[in-house]
Amino acid sequence: MTLFINWELFWKELKECRTALKIIRRKELIKPIKKTDELFKETEELIAIIAKSIETAEKNKDASKK
């Protein structure tokens, strides 16, 4: 079975999660705010990984067309 993942959609969802976390932190909806630090860091790291994966996939796709 082949699993297809829409990486761009996944990347968009992570960015929305980051925005929600920023709001939670700004409004101090979770106290202490430090409780969200690790989750925010993980979200940032995942966004960077997915963005790089998308970039690499697009480069590989362009290279295979040549």
Protein backbone atom coordinates (compact mmCIF):
# COMPACT_ATOMS: atom_id res chain seq x y z
CA MET A 1 0.00 0.00 0.00
CA THR A 2 1.36 3.41 -0.99
CA LEU A 3 0.74 6.31 1.32
CA PHE A 4 0.58 9.73 -0.27
CA ILE A 5 1.14 12.72 2.00
CA ASN A 6 0.31 16.22 0.84
CA TRP A 7 3.39 17.88 2.36
CA GLU A 8 2.30 21.40 1.43
CA LEU A 9 -0.98 20.89 3.29
CA PHE A 10 0.92 19.45 6.26
CA TRP A 11 3.24 22.49 6.20
CA LYS A 12 0.24 24.85 6.12
CA GLU A 13 -1.37 23.07 9.08
CA LEU A 14 1.85 23.35 11.09
CA LYS A 15 1.99 27.08 10.38
CA GLU A 16 -1.60 27.41 11.59
CA CYS A 17 -0.64 25.50 14.74
CA ARG A 18 2.25 27.91 15.28
CA THR A 19 -0.13 30.86 14.93
CA ALA A 20 -2.51 29.33 17.48
CA LEU A 21 0.37 28.76 19.89
CA LYS A 22 1.46 32.38 19.49
CA ILE A 23 -2.05 33.53 20.40
CA ILE A 24 -2.16 31.18 23.38
CA ARG A 25 1.19 32.54 24.56
CA ARG A 26 0.30 36.19 23.96
CA LYS A 27 -3.03 35.91 25.78
CA GLU A 28 -1.46 33.72 28.48
CA LEU A 29 -4.21 31.13 28.11
CA ILE A 30 -1.89 28.48 29.53
CA LYS A 31 0.02 29.31 32.68
CA PRO A 32 2.83 29.23 33.26
CA ILE A 33 3.68 30.23 29.69
CA LYS A 34 6.81 28.08 29.94
CA LYS A 35 4.56 25.01 29.49
CA THR A 36 4.20 25.93 25.80
CA ASP A 37 7.92 26.46 25.15
CA GLU A 38 8.73 22.88 24.12
CA LEU A 39 5.62 22.56 21.95
CA PHE A 40 6.40 25.85 20.21
CA LYS A 41 10.01 24.74 19.62
CA GLU A 42 8.87 21.40 18.18
CA THR A 43 6.43 23.17 15.86
CA GLU A 44 9.17 25.49 14.61
CA GLU A 45 11.49 22.53 13.98
CA LEU A 46 8.80 20.58 12.10
CA ILE A 47 8.00 23.61 9.93
CA ALA A 48 11.67 23.93 9.02
CA ILE A 49 11.98 20.20 8.23
CA ILE A 50 8.84 20.12 6.05
CA ALA A 51 9.80 23.34 4.25
CA LYS A 52 13.22 21.88 3.42
CA SER A 53 11.63 18.59 2.30
CA ILE A 54 9.27 20.43 -0.03
CA GLU A 55 12.17 22.46 -1.44
CA THR A 56 14.22 19.30 -2.03
CA ALA A 57 11.30 17.49 -3.64
CA GLU A 58 10.70 20.39 -6.02
CA LYS A 59 14.40 20.49 -6.96
CA ASN A 60 14.40 16.72 -7.58
CA LYS A 61 11.22 17.00 -9.65
CA ASP A 62 12.77 19.77 -11.78
CA ALA A 63 16.01 17.82 -12.18
CA SER A 64 14.18 14.70 -13.36
CA LYS A 65 12.46 16.72 -16.10
CA LYS A 66 15.81 17.68 -17.67
